[in-house]
Amino acid sequence: MTETDIVEKRRFSRIPFAANVDIITDTQFVQGRLIDVSLQGALVEPPADWEPPDSLFTIKLILDSGPTCIKMDVRLAHREESLIGLHCEHIDLDSIIALRRLVELNLGNSELLHRELAALG
């Protein structure tokens, strides 16, 4: 699949957001670098020697604005060189509120945000 195919298939706006992200599995805790985030997942650069599990794992993004964090249970969706695309399988209410606010501030388009929220079902 080409980059153009991936972009055309994408239904949710990606928000570039450089930050550290905790990656938590049943047996490991490592830190990676968040590249971008959307209402449906994230693009992360994990440590070079880390392999994502086949099962669900958790990512946690601590926002600079205070004690608020965004915590998602994710699954590996794809790999691109040193980056991994993650699909959000579950997100708690506090995290979705924080993520919605982050997306809203960065999109600058409340109509687009409402369309994306409606697409979540």
PDB file of N, CA and C in Angstrom:
ATOM      1  N   MET A   1       0.851  -1.170   0.000  1.00  0.00           N
ATOM      2  CA  MET A   1       0.000   0.000   0.000  1.00  0.00           C
ATOM      3  C   MET A   1       0.901   1.239   0.000  1.00  0.00           C
ATOM      4  N   THR A   2       0.621   2.164  -0.879  1.00  0.00           N
ATOM      5  CA  THR A   2       1.434   3.380  -0.968  1.00  0.00           C
ATOM      6  C   THR A   2       1.000   4.386   0.087  1.00  0.00           C
ATOM      7  N   GLU A   3       1.836   5.384   0.309  1.00  0.00           N
ATOM      8  CA  GLU A   3       1.505   6.445   1.269  1.00  0.00           C
ATOM      9  C   GLU A   3       0.216   7.151   0.860  1.00  0.00           C
ATOM     10  N   THR A   4       0.011   7.352  -0.439  1.00  0.00           N
ATOM     11  CA  THR A   4      -1.218   7.988  -0.933  1.00  0.00           C
ATOM     12  C   THR A   4      -2.432   7.140  -0.588  1.00  0.00           C
ATOM     13  N   ASP A   5      -2.333   5.814  -0.759  1.00  0.00           N
ATOM     14  CA  ASP A   5      -3.436   4.922  -0.418  1.00  0.00           C
ATOM     15  C   ASP A   5      -3.776   5.004   1.065  1.00  0.00           C
ATOM     16  N   ILE A   6      -2.740   5.051   1.902  1.00  0.00           N
ATOM     17  CA  ILE A   6      -2.954   5.129   3.344  1.00  0.00           C
ATOM     18  C   ILE A   6      -3.652   6.427   3.709  1.00  0.00           C
ATOM     19  N   VAL A   7      -3.195   7.542   3.153  1.00  0.00           N
ATOM     20  CA  VAL A   7      -3.792   8.848   3.450  1.00  0.00           C
ATOM     21  C   VAL A   7      -5.239   8.892   2.990  1.00  0.00           C
ATOM     22  N   GLU A   8      -5.537   8.358   1.787  1.00  0.00           N
ATOM     23  CA  GLU A   8      -6.907   8.380   1.279  1.00  0.00           C
ATOM     24  C   GLU A   8      -7.825   7.499   2.115  1.00  0.00           C
ATOM     25  N   LYS A   9      -7.291   6.409   2.663  1.00  0.00           N
ATOM     26  CA  LYS A   9      -8.073   5.490   3.471  1.00  0.00           C
ATOM     27  C   LYS A   9      -8.360   6.059   4.864  1.00  0.00           C
ATOM     28  N   ARG A  10      -7.518   6.937   5.332  1.00  0.00           N
ATOM     29  CA  ARG A  10      -7.612   7.499   6.679  1.00  0.00           C
ATOM     30  C   ARG A  10      -8.871   8.355   6.814  1.00  0.00           C
ATOM     31  N   ARG A  11      -9.628   8.124   7.881  1.00  0.00           N
ATOM     32  CA  ARG A  11     -10.854   8.881   8.123  1.00  0.00           C
ATOM     33  C   ARG A  11     -10.699   9.908   9.223  1.00  0.00           C
ATOM     34  N   PHE A  12      -9.571   9.885   9.917  1.00  0.00           N
ATOM     35  CA  PHE A  12      -9.374  10.771  11.057  1.00  0.00           C
ATOM     36  C   PHE A  12      -8.131  11.615  10.851  1.00  0.00           C
ATOM     37  N   SER A  13      -8.219  12.889  11.198  1.00  0.00           N
ATOM     38  CA  SER A  13      -7.089  13.803  11.046  1.00  0.00           C
ATOM     39  C   SER A  13      -5.997  13.457  12.043  1.00  0.00           C
ATOM     40  N   ARG A  14      -4.783  13.402  11.544  1.00  0.00           N
ATOM     41  CA  ARG A  14      -3.630  13.193  12.416  1.00  0.00           C
ATOM     42  C   ARG A  14      -3.114  14.546  12.876  1.00  0.00           C
ATOM     43  N   ILE A  15      -2.822  14.637  14.152  1.00  0.00           N
ATOM     44  CA  ILE A  15      -2.307  15.866  14.742  1.00  0.00           C
ATOM     45  C   ILE A  15      -0.837  15.650  15.069  1.00  0.00           C
ATOM     46  N   PRO A  16       0.069  16.349  14.379  1.00  0.00           N
ATOM     47  CA  PRO A  16       1.487  16.228  14.748  1.00  0.00           C
ATOM     48  C   PRO A  16       1.661  16.693  16.196  1.00  0.00           C
ATOM     49  N   PHE A  17       2.285  15.859  16.998  1.00  0.00           N
ATOM     50  CA  PHE A  17       2.431  16.184  18.414  1.00  0.00           C
ATOM     51  C   PHE A  17       3.652  15.448  18.943  1.00  0.00           C
ATOM     52  N   ALA A  18       4.774  16.128  18.966  1.00  0.00           N
ATOM     53  CA  ALA A  18       6.020  15.517  19.429  1.00  0.00           C
ATOM     54  C   ALA A  18       6.042  15.498  20.951  1.00  0.00           C
ATOM     55  N   ALA A  19       6.107  14.303  21.516  1.00  0.00           N
ATOM     56  CA  ALA A  19       6.134  14.153  22.974  1.00  0.00           C
ATOM     57  C   ALA A  19       6.624  12.752  23.313  1.00  0.00           C
ATOM     58  N   ASN A  20       7.057  12.581  24.553  1.00  0.00           N
ATOM     59  CA  ASN A  20       7.398  11.244  25.019  1.00  0.00           C
ATOM     60  C   ASN A  20       6.116  10.479  25.290  1.00  0.00           C
ATOM     61  N   VAL A  21       6.172   9.173  25.081  1.00  0.00           N
ATOM     62  CA  VAL A  21       5.021   8.326  25.335  1.00  0.00           C
ATOM     63  C   VAL A  21       5.513   7.065  26.050  1.00  0.00           C
ATOM     64  N   ASP A  22       4.779   6.675  27.093  1.00  0.00           N
ATOM     65  CA  ASP A  22       5.081   5.426  27.782  1.00  0.00           C
ATOM     66  C   ASP A  22       4.411   4.298  27.020  1.00  0.00           C
ATOM     67  N   ILE A  23       5.140   3.203  26.826  1.00  0.00           N
ATOM     68  CA  ILE A  23       4.621   2.014  26.157  1.00  0.00           C
ATOM     69  C   ILE A  23       4.643   0.898  27.196  1.00  0.00           C
ATOM     70  N   ILE A  24       3.469   0.360  27.498  1.00  0.00           N
ATOM     71  CA  ILE A  24       3.337  -0.591  28.594  1.00  0.00           C
ATOM     72  C   ILE A  24       2.726  -1.890  28.073  1.00  0.00           C
ATOM     73  N   THR A  25       3.470  -2.988  28.228  1.00  0.00           N
ATOM     74  CA  THR A  25       2.955  -4.309  27.875  1.00  0.00           C
ATOM     75  C   THR A  25       2.823  -5.118  29.162  1.00  0.00           C
ATOM     76  N   ASP A  26       2.415  -6.372  29.030  1.00  0.00           N
ATOM     77  CA  ASP A  26       2.311  -7.236  30.209  1.00  0.00           C
ATOM     78  C   ASP A  26       3.664  -7.435  30.885  1.00  0.00           C
ATOM     79  N   THR A  27       4.740  -7.351  30.111  1.00  0.00           N
ATOM     80  CA  THR A  27       6.066  -7.670  30.651  1.00  0.00           C
ATOM     81  C   THR A  27       7.085  -6.544  30.543  1.00  0.00           C
ATOM     82  N   GLN A  28       6.731  -5.435  29.895  1.00  0.00           N
ATOM     83  CA  GLN A  28       7.713  -4.379  29.664  1.00  0.00           C
ATOM     84  C   GLN A  28       7.120  -2.989  29.866  1.00  0.00           C
ATOM     85  N   PHE A  29       8.020  -2.071  30.192  1.00  0.00           N
ATOM     86  CA  PHE A  29       7.699  -0.644  30.225  1.00  0.00           C
ATOM     87  C   PHE A  29       8.857   0.054  29.530  1.00  0.00           C
ATOM     88  N   VAL A  30       8.576   0.697  28.393  1.00  0.00           N
ATOM     89  CA  VAL A  30       9.611   1.433  27.665  1.00  0.00           C
ATOM     90  C   VAL A  30       9.054   2.802  27.297  1.00  0.00           C
ATOM     91  N   GLN A  31       9.947   3.696  26.934  1.00  0.00           N
ATOM     92  CA  GLN A  31       9.508   5.009  26.463  1.00  0.00           C
ATOM     93  C   GLN A  31       9.819   5.144  24.985  1.00  0.00           C
ATOM     94  N   GLY A  32       8.870   5.751  24.284  1.00  0.00           N
ATOM     95  CA  GLY A  32       9.033   6.040  22.873  1.00  0.00           C
ATOM     96  C   GLY A  32       8.745   7.505  22.624  1.00  0.00           C
ATOM     97  N   ARG A  33       8.662   7.832  21.360  1.00  0.00           N
ATOM     98  CA  ARG A  33       8.414   9.219  20.953  1.00  0.00           C
ATOM     99  C   ARG A  33       7.139   9.253  20.125  1.00  0.00           C
ATOM    100  N   LEU A  34       6.173  10.056  20.556  1.00  0.00           N
ATOM    101  CA  LEU A  34       4.940  10.235  19.801  1.00  0.00           C
ATOM    102  C   LEU A  34       5.229  11.140  18.613  1.00  0.00           C
ATOM    103  N   ILE A  35       4.798  10.731  17.434  1.00  0.00           N
ATOM    104  CA  ILE A  35       4.964  11.526  16.215  1.00  0.00           C
ATOM    105  C   ILE A  35       3.668  12.277  15.918  1.00  0.00           C
ATOM    106  N   ASP A  36       2.552  11.542  15.931  1.00  0.00           N
ATOM    107  CA  ASP A  36       1.244  12.179  15.776  1.00  0.00           C
ATOM    108  C   ASP A  36       0.175  11.325  16.439  1.00  0.00           C
ATOM    109  N   VAL A  37      -0.992  11.929  16.606  1.00  0.00           N
ATOM    110  CA  VAL A  37      -2.090  11.262  17.293  1.00  0.00           C
ATOM    111  C   VAL A  37      -3.394  11.632  16.600  1.00  0.00           C
ATOM    112  N   SER A  38      -4.368  10.730  16.656  1.00  0.00           N
ATOM    113  CA  SER A  38      -5.695  11.007  16.116  1.00  0.00           C
ATOM    114  C   SER A  38      -6.716  10.418  17.078  1.00  0.00           C
ATOM    115  N   LEU A  39      -7.987  10.595  16.759  1.00  0.00           N
ATOM    116  CA  LEU A  39      -9.037  10.013  17.584  1.00  0.00           C
ATOM    117  C   LEU A  39      -9.053   8.495  17.479  1.00  0.00           C
ATOM    118  N   GLN A  40      -8.324   7.944  16.522  1.00  0.00           N
ATOM    119  CA  GLN A  40      -8.356   6.506  16.302  1.00  0.00           C
ATOM    120  C   GLN A  40      -7.021   5.814  16.544  1.00  0.00           C
ATOM    121  N   GLY A  41      -5.979   6.552  16.922  1.00  0.00           N
ATOM    122  CA  GLY A  41      -4.705   5.892  17.165  1.00  0.00           C
ATOM    123  C   GLY A  41      -3.549   6.862  17.213  1.00  0.00           C
ATOM    124  N   ALA A  42      -2.347   6.324  16.988  1.00  0.00           N
ATOM    125  CA  ALA A  42      -1.146   7.145  17.097  1.00  0.00           C
ATOM    126  C   ALA A  42      -0.035   6.562  16.234  1.00  0.00           C
ATOM    127  N   LEU A  43       0.918   7.419  15.897  1.00  0.00           N
ATOM    128  CA  LEU A  43       2.144   7.009  15.222  1.00  0.00           C
ATOM    129  C   LEU A  43       3.267   7.254  16.217  1.00  0.00           C
ATOM    130  N   VAL A  44       4.033   6.204  16.513  1.00  0.00           N
ATOM    131  CA  VAL A  44       5.027   6.246  17.581  1.00  0.00           C
ATOM    132  C   VAL A  44       6.361   5.725  17.070  1.00  0.00           C
ATOM    133  N   GLU A  45       7.435   6.327  17.572  1.00  0.00           N
ATOM    134  CA  GLU A  45       8.773   5.799  17.339  1.00  0.00           C
ATOM    135  C   GLU A  45       9.217   5.121  18.636  1.00  0.00           C
ATOM    136  N   PRO A  46       9.185   3.773  18.663  1.00  0.00           N
ATOM    137  CA  PRO A  46       9.598   3.063  19.874  1.00  0.00           C
ATOM    138  C   PRO A  46      11.126   2.964  19.934  1.00  0.00           C
ATOM    139  N   PRO A  47      11.678   2.472  21.054  1.00  0.00           N
ATOM    140  CA  PRO A  47      13.117   2.227  21.093  1.00  0.00           C
ATOM    141  C   PRO A  47      13.518   1.274  19.959  1.00  0.00           C
ATOM    142  N   ALA A  48      14.710   1.445  19.430  1.00  0.00           N
ATOM    143  CA  ALA A  48      15.154   0.694  18.252  1.00  0.00           C
ATOM    144  C   ALA A  48      15.102  -0.819  18.449  1.00  0.00           C
ATOM    145  N   ASP A  49      15.372  -1.305  19.643  1.00  0.00           N
ATOM    146  CA  ASP A  49      15.427  -2.752  19.869  1.00  0.00           C
ATOM    147  C   ASP A  49      14.117  -3.341  20.395  1.00  0.00           C
ATOM    148  N   TRP A  50      13.054  -2.551  20.439  1.00  0.00           N
ATOM    149  CA  TRP A  50      11.788  -3.007  21.003  1.00  0.00           C
ATOM    150  C   TRP A  50      10.880  -3.574  19.921  1.00  0.00           C
ATOM    151  N   GLU A  51      10.267  -4.708  20.209  1.00  0.00           N
ATOM    152  CA  GLU A  51       9.312  -5.330  19.295  1.00  0.00           C
ATOM    153  C   GLU A  51       7.908  -5.251  19.888  1.00  0.00           C
ATOM    154  N   PRO A  52       6.949  -4.692  19.151  1.00  0.00           N
ATOM    155  CA  PRO A  52       5.580  -4.622  19.675  1.00  0.00           C
ATOM    156  C   PRO A  52       4.962  -6.018  19.760  1.00  0.00           C
ATOM    157  N   PRO A  53       4.160  -6.263  20.790  1.00  0.00           N
ATOM    158  CA  PRO A  53       3.512  -7.572  20.912  1.00  0.00           C
ATOM    159  C   PRO A  53       2.372  -7.719  19.908  1.00  0.00           C
ATOM    160  N   ASP A  54       1.945  -8.960  19.710  1.00  0.00           N
ATOM    161  CA  ASP A  54       0.799  -9.226  18.838  1.00  0.00           C
ATOM    162  C   ASP A  54      -0.520  -8.907  19.541  1.00  0.00           C
ATOM    163  N   SER A  55      -0.484  -8.812  20.855  1.00  0.00           N
ATOM    164  CA  SER A  55      -1.694  -8.557  21.637  1.00  0.00           C
ATOM    165  C   SER A  55      -1.832  -7.066  21.955  1.00  0.00           C
ATOM    166  N   LEU A  56      -2.904  -6.728  22.641  1.00  0.00           N
ATOM    167  CA  LEU A  56      -3.120  -5.339  23.059  1.00  0.00           C
ATOM    168  C   LEU A  56      -2.030  -4.901  24.028  1.00  0.00           C
ATOM    169  N   PHE A  57      -1.666  -3.632  23.940  1.00  0.00           N
ATOM    170  CA  PHE A  57      -0.788  -3.023  24.929  1.00  0.00           C
ATOM    171  C   PHE A  57      -1.241  -1.586  25.118  1.00  0.00           C
ATOM    172  N   THR A  58      -0.623  -0.877  26.038  1.00  0.00           N
ATOM    173  CA  THR A  58      -1.082   0.458  26.421  1.00  0.00           C
ATOM    174  C   THR A  58      -0.031   1.502  26.092  1.00  0.00           C
ATOM    175  N   ILE A  59      -0.496   2.653  25.604  1.00  0.00           N
ATOM    176  CA  ILE A  59       0.382   3.816  25.495  1.00  0.00           C
ATOM    177  C   ILE A  59      -0.194   4.901  26.388  1.00  0.00           C
ATOM    178  N   LYS A  60       0.700   5.680  26.963  1.00  0.00           N
ATOM    179  CA  LYS A  60       0.274   6.754  27.863  1.00  0.00           C
ATOM    180  C   LYS A  60       1.063   8.007  27.526  1.00  0.00           C
ATOM    181  N   LEU A  61       0.337   9.055  27.194  1.00  0.00           N
ATOM    182  CA  LEU A  61       0.910  10.350  26.846  1.00  0.00           C
ATOM    183  C   LEU A  61       0.591  11.328  27.969  1.00  0.00           C
ATOM    184  N   ILE A  62       1.635  11.855  28.603  1.00  0.00           N
ATOM    185  CA  ILE A  62       1.459  12.860  29.647  1.00  0.00           C
ATOM    186  C   ILE A  62       1.493  14.225  28.970  1.00  0.00           C
ATOM    187  N   LEU A  63       0.427  14.990  29.119  1.00  0.00           N
ATOM    188  CA  LEU A  63       0.357  16.306  28.490  1.00  0.00           C
ATOM    189  C   LEU A  63       1.101  17.332  29.333  1.00  0.00           C
ATOM    190  N   ASP A  64       1.770  18.267  28.670  1.00  0.00           N
ATOM    191  CA  ASP A  64       2.554  19.300  29.349  1.00  0.00           C
ATOM    192  C   ASP A  64       1.692  20.226  30.197  1.00  0.00           C
ATOM    193  N   SER A  65       0.419  20.282  29.880  1.00  0.00           N
ATOM    194  CA  SER A  65      -0.457  21.252  30.539  1.00  0.00           C
ATOM    195  C   SER A  65      -0.848  20.856  31.961  1.00  0.00           C
ATOM    196  N   GLY A  66      -0.297  19.781  32.490  1.00  0.00           N
ATOM    197  CA  GLY A  66      -0.623  19.407  33.860  1.00  0.00           C
ATOM    198  C   GLY A  66      -0.669  17.912  34.047  1.00  0.00           C
ATOM    199  N   PRO A  67      -1.433  17.471  35.038  1.00  0.00           N
ATOM    200  CA  PRO A  67      -1.465  16.050  35.368  1.00  0.00           C
ATOM    201  C   PRO A  67      -2.302  15.207  34.402  1.00  0.00           C
ATOM    202  N   THR A  68      -2.908  15.837  33.428  1.00  0.00           N
ATOM    203  CA  THR A  68      -3.755  15.130  32.479  1.00  0.00           C
ATOM    204  C   THR A  68      -2.923  14.213  31.599  1.00  0.00           C
ATOM    205  N   CYS A  69      -3.441  13.011  31.362  1.00  0.00           N
ATOM    206  CA  CYS A  69      -2.764  12.105  30.440  1.00  0.00           C
ATOM    207  C   CYS A  69      -3.801  11.462  29.524  1.00  0.00           C
ATOM    208  N   ILE A  70      -3.313  10.979  28.404  1.00  0.00           N
ATOM    209  CA  ILE A  70      -4.142  10.241  27.456  1.00  0.00           C
ATOM    210  C   ILE A  70      -3.618   8.813  27.463  1.00  0.00           C
ATOM    211  N   LYS A  71      -4.498   7.883  27.803  1.00  0.00           N
ATOM    212  CA  LYS A  71      -4.121   6.478  27.907  1.00  0.00           C
ATOM    213  C   LYS A  71      -4.994   5.683  26.948  1.00  0.00           C
ATOM    214  N   MET A  72      -4.360   4.928  26.051  1.00  0.00           N
ATOM    215  CA  MET A  72      -5.078   4.131  25.059  1.00  0.00           C
ATOM    216  C   MET A  72      -4.600   2.688  25.103  1.00  0.00           C
ATOM    217  N   ASP A  73      -5.527   1.755  24.987  1.00  0.00           N
ATOM    218  CA  ASP A  73      -5.171   0.366  24.721  1.00  0.00           C
ATOM    219  C   ASP A  73      -5.132   0.237  23.206  1.00  0.00           C
ATOM    220  N   VAL A  74      -3.988  -0.201  22.690  1.00  0.00           N
ATOM    221  CA  VAL A  74      -3.758  -0.175  21.250  1.00  0.00           C
ATOM    222  C   VAL A  74      -3.293  -1.532  20.730  1.00  0.00           C
ATOM    223  N   ARG A  75      -3.343  -1.640  19.416  1.00  0.00           N
ATOM    224  CA  ARG A  75      -2.855  -2.817  18.702  1.00  0.00           C
ATOM    225  C   ARG A  75      -2.016  -2.310  17.533  1.00  0.00           C
ATOM    226  N   LEU A  76      -0.964  -3.035  17.208  1.00  0.00           N
ATOM    227  CA  LEU A  76      -0.123  -2.673  16.071  1.00  0.00           C
ATOM    228  C   LEU A  76      -0.951  -2.717  14.790  1.00  0.00           C
ATOM    229  N   ALA A  77      -0.950  -1.624  14.035  1.00  0.00           N
ATOM    230  CA  ALA A  77      -1.678  -1.551  12.767  1.00  0.00           C
ATOM    231  C   ALA A  77      -0.727  -1.694  11.579  1.00  0.00           C
ATOM    232  N   HIS A  78       0.446  -1.061  11.671  1.00  0.00           N
ATOM    233  CA  HIS A  78       1.431  -1.140  10.583  1.00  0.00           C
ATOM    234  C   HIS A  78       2.783  -0.664  11.067  1.00  0.00           C
ATOM    235  N   ARG A  79       3.804  -0.956  10.276  1.00  0.00           N
ATOM    236  CA  ARG A  79       5.172  -0.504  10.551  1.00  0.00           C
ATOM    237  C   ARG A  79       5.676   0.258   9.347  1.00  0.00           C
ATOM    238  N   GLU A  80       6.423   1.327   9.602  1.00  0.00           N
ATOM    239  CA  GLU A  80       7.070   2.116   8.550  1.00  0.00           C
ATOM    240  C   GLU A  80       8.479   2.424   9.028  1.00  0.00           C
ATOM    241  N   GLU A  81       9.450   1.668   8.584  1.00  0.00           N
ATOM    242  CA  GLU A  81      10.843   1.836   9.002  1.00  0.00           C
ATOM    243  C   GLU A  81      10.927   1.798  10.522  1.00  0.00           C
ATOM    244  N   SER A  82      11.284   2.909  11.174  1.00  0.00           N
ATOM    245  CA  SER A  82      11.438   2.906  12.635  1.00  0.00           C
ATOM    246  C   SER A  82      10.153   3.300  13.366  1.00  0.00           C
ATOM    247  N   LEU A  83       9.056   3.498  12.641  1.00  0.00           N
ATOM    248  CA  LEU A  83       7.800   3.947  13.250  1.00  0.00           C
ATOM    249  C   LEU A  83       6.772   2.825  13.281  1.00  0.00           C
ATOM    250  N   ILE A  84       5.887   2.882  14.276  1.00  0.00           N
ATOM    251  CA  ILE A  84       4.771   1.942  14.335  1.00  0.00           C
ATOM    252  C   ILE A  84       3.462   2.720  14.396  1.00  0.00           C
ATOM    253  N   GLY A  85       2.515   2.293  13.576  1.00  0.00           N
ATOM    254  CA  GLY A  85       1.173   2.861  13.603  1.00  0.00           C
ATOM    255  C   GLY A  85       0.324   2.018  14.536  1.00  0.00           C
ATOM    256  N   LEU A  86      -0.379   2.665  15.437  1.00  0.00           N
ATOM    257  CA  LEU A  86      -1.162   1.971  16.451  1.00  0.00           C
ATOM    258  C   LEU A  86      -2.636   2.311  16.312  1.00  0.00           C
ATOM    259  N   HIS A  87      -3.471   1.294  16.378  1.00  0.00           N
ATOM    260  CA  HIS A  87      -4.919   1.474  16.305  1.00  0.00           C
ATOM    261  C   HIS A  87      -5.484   1.408  17.715  1.00  0.00           C
ATOM    262  N   CYS A  88      -6.264   2.405  18.093  1.00  0.00           N
ATOM    263  CA  CYS A  88      -6.863   2.462  19.430  1.00  0.00           C
ATOM    264  C   CYS A  88      -8.029   1.473  19.510  1.00  0.00           C
ATOM    265  N   GLU A  89      -7.937   0.547  20.447  1.00  0.00           N
ATOM    266  CA  GLU A  89      -9.004  -0.426  20.679  1.00  0.00           C
ATOM    267  C   GLU A  89      -9.903  -0.007  21.845  1.00  0.00           C
ATOM    268  N   HIS A  90      -9.330   0.739  22.798  1.00  0.00           N
ATOM    269  CA  HIS A  90     -10.102   1.204  23.959  1.00  0.00           C
ATOM    270  C   HIS A  90      -9.454   2.462  24.522  1.00  0.00           C
ATOM    271  N   ILE A  91     -10.297   3.386  24.967  1.00  0.00           N
ATOM    272  CA  ILE A  91      -9.818   4.606  25.613  1.00  0.00           C
ATOM    273  C   ILE A  91     -10.841   4.991  26.673  1.00  0.00           C
ATOM    274  N   ASP A  92     -10.370   5.362  27.870  1.00  0.00           N
ATOM    275  CA  ASP A  92     -11.300   5.708  28.947  1.00  0.00           C
ATOM    276  C   ASP A  92     -11.863   7.116  28.735  1.00  0.00           C
ATOM    277  N   LEU A  93     -12.881   7.444  29.507  1.00  0.00           N
ATOM    278  CA  LEU A  93     -13.596   8.710  29.335  1.00  0.00           C
ATOM    279  C   LEU A  93     -12.697   9.924  29.542  1.00  0.00           C
ATOM    280  N   ASP A  94     -11.895   9.920  30.607  1.00  0.00           N
ATOM    281  CA  ASP A  94     -11.009  11.063  30.858  1.00  0.00           C
ATOM    282  C   ASP A  94     -10.010  11.253  29.717  1.00  0.00           C
ATOM    283  N   SER A  95      -9.504  10.139  29.187  1.00  0.00           N
ATOM    284  CA  SER A  95      -8.533  10.221  28.095  1.00  0.00           C
ATOM    285  C   SER A  95      -9.169  10.731  26.810  1.00  0.00           C
ATOM    286  N   ILE A  96     -10.393  10.284  26.509  1.00  0.00           N
ATOM    287  CA  ILE A  96     -11.037  10.745  25.275  1.00  0.00           C
ATOM    288  C   ILE A  96     -11.371  12.229  25.388  1.00  0.00           C
ATOM    289  N   ILE A  97     -11.708  12.700  26.577  1.00  0.00           N
ATOM    290  CA  ILE A  97     -11.967  14.133  26.760  1.00  0.00           C
ATOM    291  C   ILE A  97     -10.692  14.930  26.505  1.00  0.00           C
ATOM    292  N   ALA A  98      -9.571  14.467  27.063  1.00  0.00           N
ATOM    293  CA  ALA A  98      -8.287  15.156  26.855  1.00  0.00           C
ATOM    294  C   ALA A  98      -7.863  15.094  25.391  1.00  0.00           C
ATOM    295  N   LEU A  99      -8.055  13.935  24.755  1.00  0.00           N
ATOM    296  CA  LEU A  99      -7.689  13.789  23.343  1.00  0.00           C
ATOM    297  C   LEU A  99      -8.570  14.664  22.461  1.00  0.00           C
ATOM    298  N   ARG A 100      -9.851  14.698  22.758  1.00  0.00           N
ATOM    299  CA  ARG A 100     -10.768  15.549  21.988  1.00  0.00           C
ATOM    300  C   ARG A 100     -10.330  17.012  22.071  1.00  0.00           C
ATOM    301  N   ARG A 101      -9.965  17.452  23.260  1.00  0.00           N
ATOM    302  CA  ARG A 101      -9.522  18.841  23.443  1.00  0.00           C
ATOM    303  C   ARG A 101      -8.237  19.104  22.661  1.00  0.00           C
ATOM    304  N   LEU A 102      -7.311  18.170  22.702  1.00  0.00           N
ATOM    305  CA  LEU A 102      -6.057  18.302  21.961  1.00  0.00           C
ATOM    306  C   LEU A 102      -6.321  18.397  20.460  1.00  0.00           C
ATOM    307  N   VAL A 103      -7.178  17.523  19.954  1.00  0.00           N
ATOM    308  CA  VAL A 103      -7.513  17.534  18.523  1.00  0.00           C
ATOM    309  C   VAL A 103      -8.231  18.828  18.166  1.00  0.00           C
ATOM    310  N   GLU A 104      -9.174  19.240  18.994  1.00  0.00           N
ATOM    311  CA  GLU A 104      -9.938  20.469  18.745  1.00  0.00           C
ATOM    312  C   GLU A 104      -9.016  21.684  18.661  1.00  0.00           C
ATOM    313  N   LEU A 105      -8.084  21.792  19.589  1.00  0.00           N
ATOM    314  CA  LEU A 105      -7.157  22.930  19.596  1.00  0.00           C
ATOM    315  C   LEU A 105      -6.256  22.934  18.367  1.00  0.00           C
ATOM    316  N   ASN A 106      -5.868  21.758  17.909  1.00  0.00           N
ATOM    317  CA  ASN A 106      -4.931  21.676  16.794  1.00  0.00           C
ATOM    318  C   ASN A 106      -5.596  21.667  15.428  1.00  0.00           C
ATOM    319  N   LEU A 107      -6.841  21.199  15.348  1.00  0.00           N
ATOM    320  CA  LEU A 107      -7.549  21.231  14.064  1.00  0.00           C
ATOM    321  C   LEU A 107      -8.015  22.640  13.732  1.00  0.00           C
ATOM    322  N   GLY A 108      -8.475  23.365  14.743  1.00  0.00           N
ATOM    323  CA  GLY A 108      -8.998  24.705  14.515  1.00  0.00           C
ATOM    324  C   GLY A 108     -10.283  24.705  13.709  1.00  0.00           C
ATOM    325  N   ASN A 109     -10.960  23.560  13.645  1.00  0.00           N
ATOM    326  CA  ASN A 109     -12.168  23.427  12.846  1.00  0.00           C
ATOM    327  C   ASN A 109     -13.142  22.541  13.617  1.00  0.00           C
ATOM    328  N   SER A 110     -14.071  23.146  14.339  1.00  0.00           N
ATOM    329  CA  SER A 110     -14.980  22.368  15.176  1.00  0.00           C
ATOM    330  C   SER A 110     -15.916  21.483  14.352  1.00  0.00           C
ATOM    331  N   GLU A 111     -16.266  21.905  13.140  1.00  0.00           N
ATOM    332  CA  GLU A 111     -17.134  21.087  12.289  1.00  0.00           C
ATOM    333  C   GLU A 111     -16.440  19.784  11.911  1.00  0.00           C
ATOM    334  N   LEU A 112     -15.164  19.864  11.544  1.00  0.00           N
ATOM    335  CA  LEU A 112     -14.395  18.666  11.209  1.00  0.00           C
ATOM    336  C   LEU A 112     -14.277  17.755  12.429  1.00  0.00           C
ATOM    337  N   LEU A 113     -14.047  18.326  13.593  1.00  0.00           N
ATOM    338  CA  LEU A 113     -13.961  17.538  14.822  1.00  0.00           C
ATOM    339  C   LEU A 113     -15.264  16.791  15.066  1.00  0.00           C
ATOM    340  N   HIS A 114     -16.405  17.452  14.914  1.00  0.00           N
ATOM    341  CA  HIS A 114     -17.700  16.808  15.138  1.00  0.00           C
ATOM    342  C   HIS A 114     -17.942  15.680  14.138  1.00  0.00           C
ATOM    343  N   ARG A 115     -17.509  15.855  12.890  1.00  0.00           N
ATOM    344  CA  ARG A 115     -17.632  14.775  11.895  1.00  0.00           C
ATOM    345  C   ARG A 115     -16.795  13.570  12.310  1.00  0.00           C
ATOM    346  N   GLU A 116     -15.575  13.825  12.787  1.00  0.00           N
ATOM    347  CA  GLU A 116     -14.700  12.729  13.197  1.00  0.00           C
ATOM    348  C   GLU A 116     -15.248  12.019  14.434  1.00  0.00           C
ATOM    349  N   LEU A 117     -15.793  12.776  15.371  1.00  0.00           N
ATOM    350  CA  LEU A 117     -16.390  12.156  16.552  1.00  0.00           C
ATOM    351  C   LEU A 117     -17.597  11.303  16.164  1.00  0.00           C
ATOM    352  N   ALA A 118     -18.396  11.781  15.228  1.00  0.00           N
ATOM    353  CA  ALA A 118     -19.554  11.016  14.762  1.00  0.00           C
ATOM    354  C   ALA A 118     -19.112   9.728  14.074  1.00  0.00           C
ATOM    355  N   ALA A 119     -17.981   9.767  13.387  1.00  0.00           N
ATOM    356  CA  ALA A 119     -17.472   8.583  12.692  1.00  0.00           C
ATOM    357  C   ALA A 119     -17.008   7.506  13.663  1.00  0.00           C
ATOM    358  N   LEU A 120     -16.712   7.891  14.903  1.00  0.00           N
ATOM    359  CA  LEU A 120     -16.315   6.897  15.902  1.00  0.00           C
ATOM    360  C   LEU A 120     -17.480   5.994  16.280  1.00  0.00           C
ATOM    361  N   GLY A 121     -18.702   6.470  16.026  1.00  0.00           N
ATOM    362  CA  GLY A 121     -19.872   5.650  16.292  1.00  0.00           C
ATOM    363  C   GLY A 121     -20.458   5.946  17.561  1.00  0.00           C
TER     364      GLY A 121
END
